[in-house]
């Protein structure tokens, strides 16, 4: 069995959280551990998947997130799923953790200091944040941990003018890729590079239409990304997972080389 690492990116109400629950529902033989950074999965569970039994832990700060991740590592094995709803918020939590533990102030107060041109002594902030967020958490989850990982990230608008703002050429290239969708993932800049499969979800109004596109994948067909439009219509009731698996099976049946999803 191949390890799945899936990131679902989109603006508000585009179906990200419900897609996580849909994946869990389609894997009844797997244990699912959910880290909820959005504080809304309980409502979705009761409303959309009342019979789905998964372990959900809400996290309001970095220590709670670290504790939940350590617990997940103890209970999940190969074939199980770690799901993280609101992964973009993890980067905010680790920065707030630094400010409180090193500088003894809240992150909002630190931002105010910077605006006023003041500074606070302390150890290297980015070394602290990247070690906790990347080395101790996400790189372990998407890398050497044996279980599957599926996560969501909120998206914010990006225009052509925003592509060249970062000095990192890799980040510039990633931003340029997301520019075609009109938005990019929030959170740590290299999150999309840690996942093998990255979906973009979108919501159009009047009439309501859910849309999906594959932004990144390996040995699998892309949803959307055709010459006429980036997007493919997405039936929220059928679910993201059925849409994805059906596309993979169709290509494989026609003789294409496809690794079917777990």
C-alpha atoms as a PDB file:
ATOM      1  CA  UNK A   1       0.000   0.000   0.000  1.00  0.00           C
ATOM      2  CA  UNK A   2       1.299   3.425  -0.943  1.00  0.00           C
ATOM      3  CA  UNK A   3       1.265   6.284   1.538  1.00  0.00           C
ATOM      4  CA  UNK A   4      -1.154   9.064   0.584  1.00  0.00           C
ATOM      5  CA  UNK A   5      -0.414  12.708   1.352  1.00  0.00           C
ATOM      6  CA  UNK A   6      -3.267  14.965   0.243  1.00  0.00           C
ATOM      7  CA  UNK A   7      -3.729  18.713   0.622  1.00  0.00           C
ATOM      8  CA  UNK A   8      -7.087  20.324  -0.173  1.00  0.00           C
ATOM      9  CA  UNK A   9      -6.955  24.089  -0.748  1.00  0.00           C
ATOM     10  CA  UNK A  10      -9.785  26.518  -1.298  1.00  0.00           C
ATOM     11  CA  UNK A  11     -11.673  29.605  -0.121  1.00  0.00           C
ATOM     12  CA  UNK A  12     -14.481  29.582   2.440  1.00  0.00           C
ATOM     13  CA  UNK A  13     -17.378  27.154   1.920  1.00  0.00           C
ATOM     14  CA  UNK A  14     -15.734  25.410  -1.043  1.00  0.00           C
ATOM     15  CA  UNK A  15     -16.075  21.940   0.536  1.00  0.00           C
ATOM     16  CA  UNK A  16     -12.657  21.426   2.144  1.00  0.00           C
ATOM     17  CA  UNK A  17     -13.702  20.107   5.566  1.00  0.00           C
ATOM     18  CA  UNK A  18     -16.547  18.004   4.216  1.00  0.00           C
ATOM     19  CA  UNK A  19     -14.065  16.470   1.733  1.00  0.00           C
ATOM     20  CA  UNK A  20     -11.887  15.330   4.639  1.00  0.00           C
ATOM     21  CA  UNK A  21     -14.894  13.642   6.210  1.00  0.00           C
ATOM     22  CA  UNK A  22     -15.790  12.159   2.829  1.00  0.00           C
ATOM     23  CA  UNK A  23     -12.338  10.548   2.590  1.00  0.00           C
ATOM     24  CA  UNK A  24     -12.748   9.172   6.117  1.00  0.00           C
ATOM     25  CA  UNK A  25     -16.188   7.800   5.221  1.00  0.00           C
ATOM     26  CA  UNK A  26     -14.757   6.029   2.157  1.00  0.00           C
ATOM     27  CA  UNK A  27     -12.178   4.178   4.311  1.00  0.00           C
ATOM     28  CA  UNK A  28     -14.299   2.343   6.901  1.00  0.00           C
ATOM     29  CA  UNK A  29     -11.539  -0.140   7.676  1.00  0.00           C
ATOM     30  CA  UNK A  30      -9.036   2.568   8.661  1.00  0.00           C
ATOM     31  CA  UNK A  31      -8.645   4.399  11.934  1.00  0.00           C
ATOM     32  CA  UNK A  32      -8.966   8.159  11.513  1.00  0.00           C
ATOM     33  CA  UNK A  33      -7.494  10.735  13.880  1.00  0.00           C
ATOM     34  CA  UNK A  34      -8.587  14.302  13.187  1.00  0.00           C
ATOM     35  CA  UNK A  35      -6.782  17.432  14.403  1.00  0.00           C
ATOM     36  CA  UNK A  36      -9.308  20.264  14.186  1.00  0.00           C
ATOM     37  CA  UNK A  37      -7.788  23.739  13.973  1.00  0.00           C
ATOM     38  CA  UNK A  38     -11.043  25.194  12.615  1.00  0.00           C
ATOM     39  CA  UNK A  39     -13.332  24.218  15.515  1.00  0.00           C
ATOM     40  CA  UNK A  40     -16.207  23.202  13.236  1.00  0.00           C
ATOM     41  CA  UNK A  41     -15.913  19.489  12.511  1.00  0.00           C
ATOM     42  CA  UNK A  42     -18.349  18.471  15.231  1.00  0.00           C
ATOM     43  CA  UNK A  43     -21.128  20.353  13.471  1.00  0.00           C
ATOM     44  CA  UNK A  44     -20.237  18.875  10.076  1.00  0.00           C
ATOM     45  CA  UNK A  45     -19.981  15.363  11.502  1.00  0.00           C
ATOM     46  CA  UNK A  46     -23.437  15.499  13.046  1.00  0.00           C
ATOM     47  CA  UNK A  47     -24.978  17.112   9.979  1.00  0.00           C
ATOM     48  CA  UNK A  48     -23.328  15.177   7.131  1.00  0.00           C
ATOM     49  CA  UNK A  49     -21.857  11.978   8.557  1.00  0.00           C
ATOM     50  CA  UNK A  50     -23.759  11.162  11.797  1.00  0.00           C
ATOM     51  CA  UNK A  51     -22.684   7.491  11.720  1.00  0.00           C
ATOM     52  CA  UNK A  52     -18.988   8.190  11.100  1.00  0.00           C
ATOM     53  CA  UNK A  53     -16.831   7.337  14.115  1.00  0.00           C
ATOM     54  CA  UNK A  54     -13.549   9.217  14.164  1.00  0.00           C
ATOM     55  CA  UNK A  55     -11.441  10.711  16.924  1.00  0.00           C
ATOM     56  CA  UNK A  56     -11.451  14.511  16.779  1.00  0.00           C
ATOM     57  CA  UNK A  57      -9.244  16.772  18.911  1.00  0.00           C
ATOM     58  CA  UNK A  58      -9.578  20.537  18.730  1.00  0.00           C
ATOM     59  CA  UNK A  59      -6.392  22.563  19.236  1.00  0.00           C
ATOM     60  CA  UNK A  60      -6.264  26.219  20.251  1.00  0.00           C
ATOM     61  CA  UNK A  61      -2.494  26.565  20.724  1.00  0.00           C
ATOM     62  CA  UNK A  62       0.749  24.931  19.651  1.00  0.00           C
ATOM     63  CA  UNK A  63       1.167  22.782  22.776  1.00  0.00           C
ATOM     64  CA  UNK A  64      -2.259  21.236  22.187  1.00  0.00           C
ATOM     65  CA  UNK A  65      -1.380  20.614  18.544  1.00  0.00           C
ATOM     66  CA  UNK A  66       1.930  18.975  19.485  1.00  0.00           C
ATOM     67  CA  UNK A  67       0.192  16.782  22.084  1.00  0.00           C
ATOM     68  CA  UNK A  68      -2.465  15.719  19.578  1.00  0.00           C
ATOM     69  CA  UNK A  69       0.168  14.870  16.970  1.00  0.00           C
ATOM     70  CA  UNK A  70       2.126  12.777  19.478  1.00  0.00           C
ATOM     71  CA  UNK A  71      -1.075  10.924  20.336  1.00  0.00           C
ATOM     72  CA  UNK A  72      -1.795  10.337  16.650  1.00  0.00           C
ATOM     73  CA  UNK A  73       1.668   8.829  16.159  1.00  0.00           C
ATOM     74  CA  UNK A  74       0.954   6.377  18.955  1.00  0.00           C
ATOM     75  CA  UNK A  75      -2.440   5.160  17.728  1.00  0.00           C
ATOM     76  CA  UNK A  76      -2.135   5.270  13.917  1.00  0.00           C
ATOM     77  CA  UNK A  77      -0.455   2.637  11.768  1.00  0.00           C
ATOM     78  CA  UNK A  78       0.052   2.043   8.050  1.00  0.00           C
ATOM     79  CA  UNK A  79      -3.287   2.360   6.260  1.00  0.00           C
ATOM     80  CA  UNK A  80      -4.756   4.701   8.886  1.00  0.00           C
ATOM     81  CA  UNK A  81      -5.368   8.426   8.350  1.00  0.00           C
ATOM     82  CA  UNK A  82      -4.198  11.562  10.109  1.00  0.00           C
ATOM     83  CA  UNK A  83      -6.392  14.466   9.058  1.00  0.00           C
ATOM     84  CA  UNK A  84      -5.671  18.119   9.797  1.00  0.00           C
ATOM     85  CA  UNK A  85      -8.427  20.633   9.214  1.00  0.00           C
ATOM     86  CA  UNK A  86      -7.044  24.169   8.874  1.00  0.00           C
ATOM     87  CA  UNK A  87      -3.351  23.357   8.416  1.00  0.00           C
ATOM     88  CA  UNK A  88      -2.652  27.002   7.539  1.00  0.00           C
ATOM     89  CA  UNK A  89      -3.411  27.953  11.168  1.00  0.00           C
ATOM     90  CA  UNK A  90      -0.549  25.766  12.442  1.00  0.00           C
ATOM     91  CA  UNK A  91       1.959  28.381  11.224  1.00  0.00           C
ATOM     92  CA  UNK A  92       0.145  31.087  13.202  1.00  0.00           C
ATOM     93  CA  UNK A  93       0.089  28.884  16.302  1.00  0.00           C
ATOM     94  CA  UNK A  94       3.825  28.190  16.249  1.00  0.00           C
ATOM     95  CA  UNK A  95       4.629  31.897  15.856  1.00  0.00           C
ATOM     96  CA  UNK A  96       2.327  32.702  18.768  1.00  0.00           C
ATOM     97  CA  UNK A  97       4.091  29.967  20.750  1.00  0.00           C
ATOM     98  CA  UNK A  98       7.447  31.647  20.138  1.00  0.00           C
ATOM     99  CA  UNK A  99       6.268  35.102  21.140  1.00  0.00           C
ATOM    100  CA  UNK A 100       4.699  33.890  24.364  1.00  0.00           C
ATOM    101  CA  UNK A 101       7.503  31.541  25.476  1.00  0.00           C
ATOM    102  CA  UNK A 102      10.502  33.608  24.356  1.00  0.00           C
ATOM    103  CA  UNK A 103       9.309  37.198  24.539  1.00  0.00           C
ATOM    104  CA  UNK A 104       6.469  36.800  27.025  1.00  0.00           C
ATOM    105  CA  UNK A 105       3.985  38.647  24.810  1.00  0.00           C
ATOM    106  CA  UNK A 106       1.109  37.688  22.567  1.00  0.00           C
ATOM    107  CA  UNK A 107       1.550  37.563  18.809  1.00  0.00           C
ATOM    108  CA  UNK A 108      -0.801  40.533  18.359  1.00  0.00           C
ATOM    109  CA  UNK A 109       1.310  42.616  20.762  1.00  0.00           C
ATOM    110  CA  UNK A 110       4.439  41.603  18.850  1.00  0.00           C
ATOM    111  CA  UNK A 111       2.878  42.790  15.585  1.00  0.00           C
ATOM    112  CA  UNK A 112       2.051  46.098  17.281  1.00  0.00           C
ATOM    113  CA  UNK A 113       5.684  46.437  18.420  1.00  0.00           C
ATOM    114  CA  UNK A 114       6.888  45.952  14.861  1.00  0.00           C
ATOM    115  CA  UNK A 115       4.465  48.564  13.582  1.00  0.00           C
ATOM    116  CA  UNK A 116       5.807  51.030  16.137  1.00  0.00           C
ATOM    117  CA  UNK A 117       9.413  50.282  15.167  1.00  0.00           C
ATOM    118  CA  UNK A 118      10.194  48.608  18.482  1.00  0.00           C
ATOM    119  CA  UNK A 119      12.059  45.324  18.885  1.00  0.00           C
ATOM    120  CA  UNK A 120      12.339  42.555  21.451  1.00  0.00           C
ATOM    121  CA  UNK A 121      15.408  40.433  22.229  1.00  0.00           C
ATOM    122  CA  UNK A 122      15.152  36.676  21.781  1.00  0.00           C
ATOM    123  CA  UNK A 123      16.484  33.608  20.021  1.00  0.00           C
ATOM    124  CA  UNK A 124      16.132  33.226  16.277  1.00  0.00           C
ATOM    125  CA  UNK A 125      12.389  33.242  15.619  1.00  0.00           C
ATOM    126  CA  UNK A 126      12.382  31.451  12.285  1.00  0.00           C
ATOM    127  CA  UNK A 127      14.703  28.704  13.525  1.00  0.00           C
ATOM    128  CA  UNK A 128      12.326  28.089  16.429  1.00  0.00           C
ATOM    129  CA  UNK A 129       9.205  28.137  14.247  1.00  0.00           C
ATOM    130  CA  UNK A 130      10.548  26.052  11.384  1.00  0.00           C
ATOM    131  CA  UNK A 131      11.975  23.376  13.705  1.00  0.00           C
ATOM    132  CA  UNK A 132       8.664  22.921  15.482  1.00  0.00           C
ATOM    133  CA  UNK A 133       6.367  23.263  12.475  1.00  0.00           C
ATOM    134  CA  UNK A 134       8.492  21.513   9.854  1.00  0.00           C
ATOM    135  CA  UNK A 135      11.047  19.183  11.407  1.00  0.00           C
ATOM    136  CA  UNK A 136       9.013  18.035  14.433  1.00  0.00           C
ATOM    137  CA  UNK A 137       5.549  18.057  12.907  1.00  0.00           C
ATOM    138  CA  UNK A 138       4.701  18.295   9.222  1.00  0.00           C
ATOM    139  CA  UNK A 139       7.842  16.751   7.750  1.00  0.00           C
ATOM    140  CA  UNK A 140       7.330  13.768  10.059  1.00  0.00           C
ATOM    141  CA  UNK A 141       3.627  13.472   9.191  1.00  0.00           C
ATOM    142  CA  UNK A 142       4.074  13.682   5.421  1.00  0.00           C
ATOM    143  CA  UNK A 143       7.431  11.900   5.441  1.00  0.00           C
ATOM    144  CA  UNK A 144       8.518   8.985   7.563  1.00  0.00           C
ATOM    145  CA  UNK A 145       5.261   8.423   9.500  1.00  0.00           C
ATOM    146  CA  UNK A 146       3.589   5.244   8.157  1.00  0.00           C
ATOM    147  CA  UNK A 147       0.016   6.555   8.043  1.00  0.00           C
ATOM    148  CA  UNK A 148      -1.785   8.534   5.330  1.00  0.00           C
ATOM    149  CA  UNK A 149      -2.194  12.298   5.758  1.00  0.00           C
ATOM    150  CA  UNK A 150      -4.988  14.513   4.443  1.00  0.00           C
ATOM    151  CA  UNK A 151      -5.186  18.203   5.300  1.00  0.00           C
ATOM    152  CA  UNK A 152      -7.030  21.362   4.345  1.00  0.00           C
ATOM    153  CA  UNK A 153      -5.745  24.894   3.973  1.00  0.00           C
ATOM    154  CA  UNK A 154      -7.665  28.123   3.525  1.00  0.00           C
ATOM    155  CA  UNK A 155      -6.837  30.090   0.383  1.00  0.00           C
ATOM    156  CA  UNK A 156      -6.422  33.813  -0.069  1.00  0.00           C
ATOM    157  CA  UNK A 157      -6.445  35.772  -3.355  1.00  0.00           C
ATOM    158  CA  UNK A 158      -3.271  36.124  -5.373  1.00  0.00           C
ATOM    159  CA  UNK A 159      -2.711  38.298  -8.412  1.00  0.00           C
ATOM    160  CA  UNK A 160       0.076  38.576 -10.953  1.00  0.00           C
ATOM    161  CA  UNK A 161       1.617  41.402  -8.946  1.00  0.00           C
ATOM    162  CA  UNK A 162       2.184  39.079  -5.975  1.00  0.00           C
ATOM    163  CA  UNK A 163       4.319  36.492  -7.771  1.00  0.00           C
ATOM    164  CA  UNK A 164       7.689  38.230  -7.533  1.00  0.00           C
ATOM    165  CA  UNK A 165       7.410  39.441  -3.936  1.00  0.00           C
ATOM    166  CA  UNK A 166       9.230  36.463  -2.390  1.00  0.00           C
ATOM    167  CA  UNK A 167      12.982  36.126  -2.920  1.00  0.00           C
ATOM    168  CA  UNK A 168      12.766  32.295  -2.942  1.00  0.00           C
ATOM    169  CA  UNK A 169      12.511  31.220  -6.593  1.00  0.00           C
ATOM    170  CA  UNK A 170      10.733  28.002  -5.611  1.00  0.00           C
ATOM    171  CA  UNK A 171       8.071  29.980  -3.776  1.00  0.00           C
ATOM    172  CA  UNK A 172       7.753  32.291  -6.795  1.00  0.00           C
ATOM    173  CA  UNK A 173       7.162  29.295  -9.067  1.00  0.00           C
ATOM    174  CA  UNK A 174       4.571  27.855  -6.693  1.00  0.00           C
ATOM    175  CA  UNK A 175       2.780  31.194  -6.463  1.00  0.00           C
ATOM    176  CA  UNK A 176       2.745  31.449 -10.264  1.00  0.00           C
ATOM    177  CA  UNK A 177       1.138  27.999 -10.461  1.00  0.00           C
ATOM    178  CA  UNK A 178      -1.593  29.027  -8.020  1.00  0.00           C
ATOM    179  CA  UNK A 179      -2.166  32.334  -9.803  1.00  0.00           C
ATOM    180  CA  UNK A 180      -4.184  30.485 -12.453  1.00  0.00           C
ATOM    181  CA  UNK A 181      -6.642  29.452  -9.724  1.00  0.00           C
ATOM    182  CA  UNK A 182      -6.878  33.021  -8.425  1.00  0.00           C
ATOM    183  CA  UNK A 183      -5.792  32.057  -4.910  1.00  0.00           C
ATOM    184  CA  UNK A 184      -2.971  30.348  -3.022  1.00  0.00           C
ATOM    185  CA  UNK A 185      -2.719  28.321   0.204  1.00  0.00           C
ATOM    186  CA  UNK A 186      -2.257  30.080   3.516  1.00  0.00           C
ATOM    187  CA  UNK A 187       0.253  28.868   6.097  1.00  0.00           C
ATOM    188  CA  UNK A 188       3.920  27.947   5.764  1.00  0.00           C
ATOM    189  CA  UNK A 189       5.102  28.704   2.228  1.00  0.00           C
ATOM    190  CA  UNK A 190       6.389  25.240   1.371  1.00  0.00           C
ATOM    191  CA  UNK A 191       3.365  23.262   2.569  1.00  0.00           C
ATOM    192  CA  UNK A 192       2.287  22.332  -0.963  1.00  0.00           C
ATOM    193  CA  UNK A 193       5.714  20.814  -1.645  1.00  0.00           C
ATOM    194  CA  UNK A 194       5.237  18.349   1.221  1.00  0.00           C
ATOM    195  CA  UNK A 195       2.146  16.714  -0.282  1.00  0.00           C
ATOM    196  CA  UNK A 196       2.083  14.357  -3.278  1.00  0.00           C
ATOM    197  CA  UNK A 197      -1.502  15.242  -4.206  1.00  0.00           C
ATOM    198  CA  UNK A 198      -2.875  18.789  -4.057  1.00  0.00           C
ATOM    199  CA  UNK A 199      -6.459  19.686  -4.947  1.00  0.00           C
ATOM    200  CA  UNK A 200      -7.953  23.130  -5.424  1.00  0.00           C
ATOM    201  CA  UNK A 201     -11.644  23.548  -4.618  1.00  0.00           C
ATOM    202  CA  UNK A 202     -13.738  26.514  -5.646  1.00  0.00           C
ATOM    203  CA  UNK A 203     -17.335  27.687  -5.218  1.00  0.00           C
ATOM    204  CA  UNK A 204     -19.296  29.631  -7.780  1.00  0.00           C
ATOM    205  CA  UNK A 205     -22.622  31.268  -6.906  1.00  0.00           C
ATOM    206  CA  UNK A 206     -25.862  31.876  -8.853  1.00  0.00           C
ATOM    207  CA  UNK A 207     -26.286  29.030  -9.459  1.00  0.00           C
ATOM    208  CA  UNK A 208     -24.218  27.268  -6.814  1.00  0.00           C
ATOM    209  CA  UNK A 209     -21.511  25.135  -8.417  1.00  0.00           C
ATOM    210  CA  UNK A 210     -18.672  23.317  -6.686  1.00  0.00           C
ATOM    211  CA  UNK A 211     -15.481  23.008  -8.712  1.00  0.00           C
ATOM    212  CA  UNK A 212     -12.318  20.953  -8.417  1.00  0.00           C
ATOM    213  CA  UNK A 213      -8.887  20.975 -10.069  1.00  0.00           C
ATOM    214  CA  UNK A 214      -5.726  18.969  -9.470  1.00  0.00           C
ATOM    215  CA  UNK A 215      -2.803  21.294  -8.891  1.00  0.00           C
ATOM    216  CA  UNK A 216      -0.286  18.524  -8.289  1.00  0.00           C
ATOM    217  CA  UNK A 217      -0.228  14.718  -8.430  1.00  0.00           C
ATOM    218  CA  UNK A 218       2.005  11.760  -9.207  1.00  0.00           C
ATOM    219  CA  UNK A 219       1.159   8.913 -11.614  1.00  0.00           C
ATOM    220  CA  UNK A 220      -2.513   9.922 -11.642  1.00  0.00           C
ATOM    221  CA  UNK A 221      -4.810  11.849 -13.989  1.00  0.00           C
ATOM    222  CA  UNK A 222      -5.487  15.498 -13.368  1.00  0.00           C
ATOM    223  CA  UNK A 223      -8.976  16.759 -12.618  1.00  0.00           C
ATOM    224  CA  UNK A 224      -9.533  19.903 -14.652  1.00  0.00           C
ATOM    225  CA  UNK A 225      -6.429  21.535 -16.139  1.00  0.00           C
ATOM    226  CA  UNK A 226      -7.742  21.180 -19.698  1.00  0.00           C
ATOM    227  CA  UNK A 227      -7.394  23.740 -22.449  1.00  0.00           C
ATOM    228  CA  UNK A 228     -10.840  25.284 -21.995  1.00  0.00           C
ATOM    229  CA  UNK A 229     -10.955  25.596 -18.215  1.00  0.00           C
ATOM    230  CA  UNK A 230      -8.933  24.897 -15.104  1.00  0.00           C
ATOM    231  CA  UNK A 231     -12.000  23.587 -13.302  1.00  0.00           C
ATOM    232  CA  UNK A 232     -14.177  20.489 -13.406  1.00  0.00           C
ATOM    233  CA  UNK A 233     -17.629  20.522 -11.804  1.00  0.00           C
ATOM    234  CA  UNK A 234     -17.649  18.737  -8.480  1.00  0.00           C
ATOM    235  CA  UNK A 235     -20.719  16.987  -7.047  1.00  0.00           C
ATOM    236  CA  UNK A 236     -20.535  17.679  -3.303  1.00  0.00           C
ATOM    237  CA  UNK A 237     -22.943  14.819  -2.580  1.00  0.00           C
ATOM    238  CA  UNK A 238     -20.914  12.293  -4.548  1.00  0.00           C
ATOM    239  CA  UNK A 239     -17.794  13.487  -2.762  1.00  0.00           C
ATOM    240  CA  UNK A 240     -14.261  14.394  -3.736  1.00  0.00           C
ATOM    241  CA  UNK A 241     -12.968  10.866  -3.204  1.00  0.00           C
ATOM    242  CA  UNK A 242     -15.427   9.192  -5.592  1.00  0.00           C
ATOM    243  CA  UNK A 243     -14.688  11.844  -8.225  1.00  0.00           C
ATOM    244  CA  UNK A 244     -10.966  11.204  -7.863  1.00  0.00           C
ATOM    245  CA  UNK A 245     -11.098   7.397  -7.794  1.00  0.00           C
ATOM    246  CA  UNK A 246     -13.486   7.260 -10.762  1.00  0.00           C
ATOM    247  CA  UNK A 247     -11.089   9.388 -12.835  1.00  0.00           C
ATOM    248  CA  UNK A 248      -8.166   7.124 -11.905  1.00  0.00           C
ATOM    249  CA  UNK A 249     -10.082   3.935 -12.713  1.00  0.00           C
ATOM    250  CA  UNK A 250     -11.236   5.330 -16.057  1.00  0.00           C
ATOM    251  CA  UNK A 251      -7.673   6.092 -17.157  1.00  0.00           C
ATOM    252  CA  UNK A 252      -6.393   2.732 -15.908  1.00  0.00           C
ATOM    253  CA  UNK A 253      -9.185   0.902 -17.771  1.00  0.00           C
ATOM    254  CA  UNK A 254      -8.100   2.617 -21.000  1.00  0.00           C
ATOM    255  CA  UNK A 255      -4.527   1.380 -20.557  1.00  0.00           C
ATOM    256  CA  UNK A 256      -2.975   4.344 -18.810  1.00  0.00           C
ATOM    257  CA  UNK A 257      -0.379   3.996 -16.076  1.00  0.00           C
ATOM    258  CA  UNK A 258      -2.122   4.911 -12.834  1.00  0.00           C
ATOM    259  CA  UNK A 259      -1.430   4.100  -9.192  1.00  0.00           C
ATOM    260  CA  UNK A 260      -4.941   3.756  -7.808  1.00  0.00           C
ATOM    261  CA  UNK A 261      -5.606   5.693  -4.589  1.00  0.00           C
ATOM    262  CA  UNK A 262      -5.461   3.757  -1.326  1.00  0.00           C
END
